[in-house]
């Protein structure tokens, strides 16, 4: 599993909850469905990032992806 986060700048979709784990990294053009299944948007960019693990006392970093969604 790949950890990550989805975001969009579309106001109508700001309150949607999006997946935070992926079976494989999404590719540009793939579609991502909201957690409740009611909305769907297209991946327009994927950025590979390093995040801090705040549950770890040493705050080690782990790889993740940041997925931008749009129509």
Protein backbone atom coordinates (compact mmCIF):
# COMPACT_ATOMS: atom_id res chain seq x y z
CA UNK A 1 0.00 0.00 0.00
CA UNK A 2 1.08 3.55 -0.73
CA UNK A 3 0.23 6.32 1.72
CA UNK A 4 -0.80 9.68 0.39
CA UNK A 5 -3.30 12.49 0.27
CA UNK A 6 -5.62 13.92 -2.34
CA UNK A 7 -6.53 17.56 -2.78
CA UNK A 8 -8.46 19.75 -5.21
CA UNK A 9 -9.01 23.47 -5.66
CA UNK A 10 -12.63 22.92 -6.77
CA UNK A 11 -14.98 24.51 -4.21
CA UNK A 12 -17.77 21.97 -4.82
CA UNK A 13 -15.45 19.13 -3.77
CA UNK A 14 -13.70 20.69 -0.73
CA UNK A 15 -15.80 18.78 1.81
CA UNK A 16 -15.28 15.39 0.17
CA UNK A 17 -13.12 12.85 1.95
CA UNK A 18 -10.56 11.25 -0.38
CA UNK A 19 -8.51 8.06 0.02
CA UNK A 20 -5.28 8.18 2.00
CA UNK A 21 -3.97 4.77 0.89
CA UNK A 22 -3.56 3.44 -2.61
CA UNK A 23 -2.93 -0.06 -3.95
CA UNK A 24 -0.48 1.48 -6.42
CA UNK A 25 0.45 5.10 -7.14
CA UNK A 26 -2.24 6.78 -9.27
CA UNK A 27 -1.23 7.97 -12.74
CA UNK A 28 -2.29 11.15 -14.50
CA UNK A 29 -5.68 10.51 -16.07
CA UNK A 30 -6.75 7.89 -13.48
CA UNK A 31 -9.98 8.59 -11.63
CA UNK A 32 -10.25 8.68 -7.82
CA UNK A 33 -13.55 8.11 -6.03
CA UNK A 34 -14.44 9.87 -2.77
CA UNK A 35 -14.61 7.66 0.31
CA UNK A 36 -18.43 7.67 0.35
CA UNK A 37 -18.49 6.84 -3.37
CA UNK A 38 -20.60 9.86 -4.32
CA UNK A 39 -17.97 11.90 -6.20
CA UNK A 40 -15.16 11.17 -8.62
CA UNK A 41 -12.35 13.31 -10.04
CA UNK A 42 -9.41 12.82 -12.39
CA UNK A 43 -5.75 12.80 -11.31
CA UNK A 44 -3.93 15.76 -12.86
CA UNK A 45 -0.64 15.52 -10.95
CA UNK A 46 1.20 13.16 -8.61
CA UNK A 47 4.00 14.46 -6.39
CA UNK A 48 6.26 12.15 -4.40
CA UNK A 49 6.98 13.60 -0.95
CA UNK A 50 8.55 12.72 2.40
CA UNK A 51 6.32 13.11 5.46
CA UNK A 52 7.05 13.14 9.18
CA UNK A 53 5.58 10.31 11.22
CA UNK A 54 4.22 12.24 14.22
CA UNK A 55 3.35 9.00 16.04
CA UNK A 56 7.07 8.10 16.07
CA UNK A 57 9.00 9.74 18.94
CA UNK A 58 11.92 10.43 16.58
CA UNK A 59 9.60 11.88 13.90
CA UNK A 60 11.17 9.79 11.18
CA UNK A 61 10.19 10.51 7.61
CA UNK A 62 8.41 8.14 5.25
CA UNK A 63 7.66 8.35 1.51
CA UNK A 64 4.14 9.30 0.42
CA UNK A 65 2.32 10.73 -2.58
CA UNK A 66 0.32 13.93 -2.98
CA UNK A 67 -2.42 13.64 -5.61
CA UNK A 68 -4.08 16.66 -7.22
CA UNK A 69 -7.62 16.06 -8.51
CA UNK A 70 -9.71 17.99 -11.03
CA UNK A 71 -12.57 17.40 -13.52
